[in-house]
N, C-alpha and C. Protein backbone atom coordinates (compact mmCIF):
# COMPACT_ATOMS: atom_id res chain seq x y z
N MET A 1 22.93 47.46 -0.62
CA MET A 1 23.97 47.79 -1.56
C MET A 1 24.41 49.23 -1.29
N SER A 2 25.67 49.44 -1.34
CA SER A 2 26.17 50.79 -1.06
C SER A 2 26.13 51.63 -2.33
N ASN A 3 26.28 52.92 -2.14
CA ASN A 3 26.30 53.85 -3.26
C ASN A 3 27.44 53.53 -4.20
N THR A 4 28.57 53.07 -3.67
CA THR A 4 29.75 52.78 -4.48
C THR A 4 29.44 51.70 -5.51
N SER A 5 28.76 50.64 -5.07
CA SER A 5 28.46 49.57 -6.01
C SER A 5 27.42 49.98 -7.04
N LEU A 6 26.50 50.87 -6.67
CA LEU A 6 25.52 51.35 -7.63
C LEU A 6 26.16 52.22 -8.70
N ASN A 7 27.23 52.93 -8.34
CA ASN A 7 27.90 53.82 -9.29
C ASN A 7 28.97 53.11 -10.10
N ASN A 8 29.29 51.86 -9.75
CA ASN A 8 30.34 51.13 -10.44
C ASN A 8 29.70 49.99 -11.24
N PRO A 9 29.54 50.17 -12.57
CA PRO A 9 28.87 49.16 -13.38
C PRO A 9 29.58 47.81 -13.38
N GLU A 10 30.91 47.81 -13.31
CA GLU A 10 31.64 46.54 -13.30
C GLU A 10 31.33 45.73 -12.05
N LEU A 11 31.29 46.41 -10.91
CA LEU A 11 30.97 45.73 -9.65
C LEU A 11 29.53 45.24 -9.68
N SER A 12 28.61 46.04 -10.22
CA SER A 12 27.21 45.66 -10.32
C SER A 12 27.05 44.43 -11.21
N ASN A 13 27.76 44.40 -12.34
CA ASN A 13 27.71 43.24 -13.24
C ASN A 13 28.30 42.00 -12.57
N ALA A 14 29.38 42.18 -11.84
CA ALA A 14 30.00 41.06 -11.13
C ALA A 14 29.03 40.50 -10.09
N THR A 15 28.33 41.38 -9.42
CA THR A 15 27.37 40.95 -8.41
C THR A 15 26.24 40.18 -9.07
N ARG A 16 25.75 40.65 -10.22
CA ARG A 16 24.69 39.95 -10.94
C ARG A 16 25.16 38.56 -11.38
N ARG A 17 26.39 38.50 -11.95
CA ARG A 17 26.92 37.20 -12.39
C ARG A 17 27.04 36.24 -11.21
N SER A 18 27.52 36.76 -10.09
CA SER A 18 27.67 35.93 -8.90
C SER A 18 26.31 35.43 -8.41
N THR A 19 25.32 36.29 -8.44
CA THR A 19 23.97 35.91 -8.02
C THR A 19 23.40 34.85 -8.96
N VAL A 20 23.57 35.02 -10.25
CA VAL A 20 23.08 34.07 -11.23
C VAL A 20 23.78 32.72 -11.03
N GLU A 21 25.09 32.74 -10.80
CA GLU A 21 25.82 31.49 -10.56
C GLU A 21 25.32 30.81 -9.29
N ASN A 22 25.10 31.60 -8.23
CA ASN A 22 24.60 31.03 -6.98
C ASN A 22 23.22 30.41 -7.17
N LEU A 23 22.35 31.09 -7.90
CA LEU A 23 21.01 30.56 -8.16
C LEU A 23 21.09 29.28 -8.99
N SER A 24 22.00 29.25 -9.93
CA SER A 24 22.18 28.05 -10.75
C SER A 24 22.67 26.89 -9.89
N ASN A 25 23.58 27.16 -8.97
CA ASN A 25 24.07 26.12 -8.07
C ASN A 25 22.95 25.61 -7.16
N VAL A 26 22.13 26.52 -6.67
CA VAL A 26 21.00 26.12 -5.82
C VAL A 26 20.04 25.26 -6.63
N LYS A 27 19.75 25.66 -7.85
CA LYS A 27 18.85 24.90 -8.72
C LYS A 27 19.39 23.49 -8.94
N ASP A 28 20.69 23.37 -9.23
CA ASP A 28 21.29 22.06 -9.44
C ASP A 28 21.23 21.21 -8.17
N SER A 29 21.48 21.83 -7.03
CA SER A 29 21.43 21.10 -5.76
C SER A 29 20.03 20.59 -5.47
N VAL A 30 19.05 21.43 -5.71
CA VAL A 30 17.66 21.03 -5.48
C VAL A 30 17.27 19.91 -6.44
N ALA A 31 17.71 20.00 -7.68
CA ALA A 31 17.40 18.95 -8.67
C ALA A 31 18.00 17.62 -8.23
N GLU A 32 19.24 17.64 -7.74
CA GLU A 32 19.87 16.41 -7.25
C GLU A 32 19.11 15.84 -6.06
N LEU A 33 18.72 16.72 -5.14
CA LEU A 33 17.98 16.29 -3.96
C LEU A 33 16.64 15.66 -4.35
N VAL A 34 15.93 16.30 -5.25
CA VAL A 34 14.63 15.78 -5.70
C VAL A 34 14.81 14.42 -6.38
N HIS A 35 15.83 14.31 -7.21
CA HIS A 35 16.08 13.03 -7.90
C HIS A 35 16.37 11.93 -6.88
N GLY A 36 17.20 12.22 -5.89
CA GLY A 36 17.53 11.24 -4.86
C GLY A 36 16.31 10.83 -4.06
N GLU A 37 15.48 11.79 -3.69
CA GLU A 37 14.28 11.49 -2.92
C GLU A 37 13.28 10.70 -3.76
N LYS A 38 13.20 11.01 -5.04
CA LYS A 38 12.29 10.27 -5.93
C LYS A 38 12.70 8.81 -5.98
N GLU A 39 14.00 8.56 -6.10
CA GLU A 39 14.49 7.17 -6.12
C GLU A 39 14.18 6.47 -4.79
N ARG A 40 14.39 7.19 -3.69
CA ARG A 40 14.14 6.60 -2.37
C ARG A 40 12.67 6.24 -2.21
N VAL A 41 11.78 7.12 -2.62
CA VAL A 41 10.35 6.86 -2.52
C VAL A 41 9.96 5.68 -3.42
N GLN A 42 10.52 5.62 -4.61
CA GLN A 42 10.22 4.50 -5.51
C GLN A 42 10.68 3.18 -4.90
N ASN A 43 11.84 3.17 -4.25
CA ASN A 43 12.33 1.95 -3.61
C ASN A 43 11.43 1.54 -2.45
N VAL A 44 11.02 2.50 -1.63
CA VAL A 44 10.14 2.20 -0.50
C VAL A 44 8.81 1.66 -1.02
N TRP A 45 8.28 2.28 -2.07
CA TRP A 45 7.02 1.83 -2.66
C TRP A 45 7.14 0.40 -3.18
N ALA A 46 8.24 0.11 -3.86
CA ALA A 46 8.44 -1.24 -4.42
C ALA A 46 8.54 -2.27 -3.30
N ARG A 47 9.26 -1.96 -2.23
CA ARG A 47 9.36 -2.90 -1.10
C ARG A 47 8.00 -3.10 -0.45
N GLY A 48 7.25 -2.02 -0.28
CA GLY A 48 5.91 -2.13 0.31
C GLY A 48 4.99 -2.99 -0.56
N LYS A 49 5.07 -2.80 -1.85
CA LYS A 49 4.25 -3.58 -2.78
C LYS A 49 4.62 -5.06 -2.70
N GLU A 50 5.92 -5.36 -2.64
CA GLU A 50 6.36 -6.76 -2.52
C GLU A 50 5.83 -7.39 -1.23
N LYS A 51 5.93 -6.64 -0.13
CA LYS A 51 5.44 -7.17 1.15
C LYS A 51 3.94 -7.39 1.12
N ALA A 52 3.20 -6.47 0.51
CA ALA A 52 1.74 -6.62 0.43
C ALA A 52 1.38 -7.86 -0.40
N LEU A 53 2.06 -8.06 -1.51
CA LEU A 53 1.78 -9.23 -2.34
C LEU A 53 2.11 -10.52 -1.61
N ALA A 54 3.22 -10.53 -0.87
CA ALA A 54 3.59 -11.72 -0.10
C ALA A 54 2.55 -12.00 0.98
N SER A 55 2.07 -10.95 1.64
CA SER A 55 1.03 -11.12 2.66
C SER A 55 -0.26 -11.65 2.05
N GLU A 56 -0.60 -11.15 0.88
CA GLU A 56 -1.80 -11.61 0.20
C GLU A 56 -1.70 -13.10 -0.12
N LYS A 57 -0.55 -13.53 -0.60
CA LYS A 57 -0.36 -14.95 -0.92
C LYS A 57 -0.44 -15.81 0.33
N ARG A 58 0.17 -15.34 1.44
CA ARG A 58 0.10 -16.11 2.69
C ARG A 58 -1.34 -16.22 3.17
N LEU A 59 -2.10 -15.13 3.06
CA LEU A 59 -3.50 -15.14 3.48
C LEU A 59 -4.32 -16.09 2.61
N GLU A 60 -4.12 -16.03 1.30
CA GLU A 60 -4.85 -16.93 0.40
C GLU A 60 -4.53 -18.39 0.72
N HIS A 61 -3.27 -18.67 1.00
CA HIS A 61 -2.88 -20.04 1.35
C HIS A 61 -3.54 -20.46 2.65
N TYR A 62 -3.53 -19.59 3.66
CA TYR A 62 -4.14 -19.92 4.95
C TYR A 62 -5.64 -20.20 4.79
N VAL A 63 -6.31 -19.33 4.03
CA VAL A 63 -7.76 -19.50 3.83
C VAL A 63 -8.05 -20.80 3.08
N SER A 64 -7.26 -21.11 2.08
CA SER A 64 -7.51 -22.35 1.33
C SER A 64 -7.21 -23.59 2.18
N GLU A 65 -6.28 -23.49 3.10
CA GLU A 65 -5.95 -24.61 3.98
C GLU A 65 -6.92 -24.73 5.16
N ASN A 66 -7.53 -23.63 5.58
CA ASN A 66 -8.40 -23.60 6.76
C ASN A 66 -9.70 -22.85 6.45
N PRO A 67 -10.53 -23.34 5.54
CA PRO A 67 -11.71 -22.58 5.13
C PRO A 67 -12.72 -22.36 6.26
N VAL A 68 -12.99 -23.38 7.06
CA VAL A 68 -13.99 -23.23 8.13
C VAL A 68 -13.49 -22.24 9.18
N LYS A 69 -12.25 -22.42 9.58
CA LYS A 69 -11.66 -21.52 10.58
C LYS A 69 -11.65 -20.08 10.06
N SER A 70 -11.33 -19.90 8.78
CA SER A 70 -11.29 -18.56 8.18
C SER A 70 -12.67 -17.90 8.20
N VAL A 71 -13.70 -18.68 7.86
CA VAL A 71 -15.06 -18.14 7.87
C VAL A 71 -15.47 -17.78 9.29
N MET A 72 -15.13 -18.62 10.25
CA MET A 72 -15.48 -18.33 11.64
C MET A 72 -14.78 -17.08 12.15
N ILE A 73 -13.51 -16.91 11.76
CA ILE A 73 -12.78 -15.70 12.15
C ILE A 73 -13.44 -14.48 11.52
N ALA A 74 -13.83 -14.58 10.25
CA ALA A 74 -14.48 -13.45 9.57
C ALA A 74 -15.81 -13.12 10.23
N VAL A 75 -16.60 -14.13 10.56
CA VAL A 75 -17.89 -13.90 11.20
C VAL A 75 -17.68 -13.26 12.58
N GLY A 76 -16.73 -13.80 13.34
CA GLY A 76 -16.45 -13.24 14.66
C GLY A 76 -16.00 -11.79 14.59
N THR A 77 -15.15 -11.51 13.63
CA THR A 77 -14.67 -10.13 13.45
C THR A 77 -15.83 -9.21 13.07
N GLY A 78 -16.70 -9.68 12.18
CA GLY A 78 -17.86 -8.87 11.78
C GLY A 78 -18.80 -8.61 12.94
N VAL A 79 -19.06 -9.63 13.75
CA VAL A 79 -19.94 -9.47 14.91
C VAL A 79 -19.32 -8.48 15.89
N ALA A 80 -18.03 -8.64 16.16
CA ALA A 80 -17.35 -7.75 17.11
C ALA A 80 -17.38 -6.31 16.61
N LEU A 81 -17.08 -6.10 15.35
CA LEU A 81 -17.11 -4.73 14.80
C LEU A 81 -18.53 -4.17 14.82
N GLY A 82 -19.51 -4.99 14.47
CA GLY A 82 -20.90 -4.55 14.51
C GLY A 82 -21.31 -4.15 15.91
N TRP A 83 -20.88 -4.92 16.89
CA TRP A 83 -21.22 -4.61 18.28
C TRP A 83 -20.55 -3.32 18.72
N ILE A 84 -19.27 -3.16 18.40
CA ILE A 84 -18.52 -1.94 18.80
C ILE A 84 -19.09 -0.72 18.11
N LEU A 85 -19.32 -0.81 16.81
CA LEU A 85 -19.81 0.36 16.06
C LEU A 85 -21.28 0.64 16.38
N GLY A 86 -22.05 -0.40 16.64
CA GLY A 86 -23.46 -0.22 16.97
C GLY A 86 -23.66 0.39 18.34
N ARG A 87 -22.72 0.17 19.24
CA ARG A 87 -22.80 0.69 20.59
C ARG A 87 -22.67 2.20 20.64
N LYS A 88 -21.98 2.79 19.71
CA LYS A 88 -21.71 4.23 19.70
C LYS A 88 -22.94 5.05 19.33
N ARG A 89 -23.91 4.43 18.75
CA ARG A 89 -25.10 5.18 18.28
C ARG A 89 -26.03 5.41 19.37
């Protein structure tokens, strides 16, 4: 700030008002951005939840239609994971 603006109260007040207005505009812009992002995240979450529930239903249906095959897949997966994880020790 120059000496002229420090000695001129009207200019100093105008600068303060301008700064306050700019800060208010920034605050409003940030609030709009946050609101938009919140909505976007909620939509993504809702879609993810729907997909997870649909996958759960498909899995339950598959297991009920193929119980022996499902158990064998689970046992095989457990043995494979046990072998992989046990090997590292």
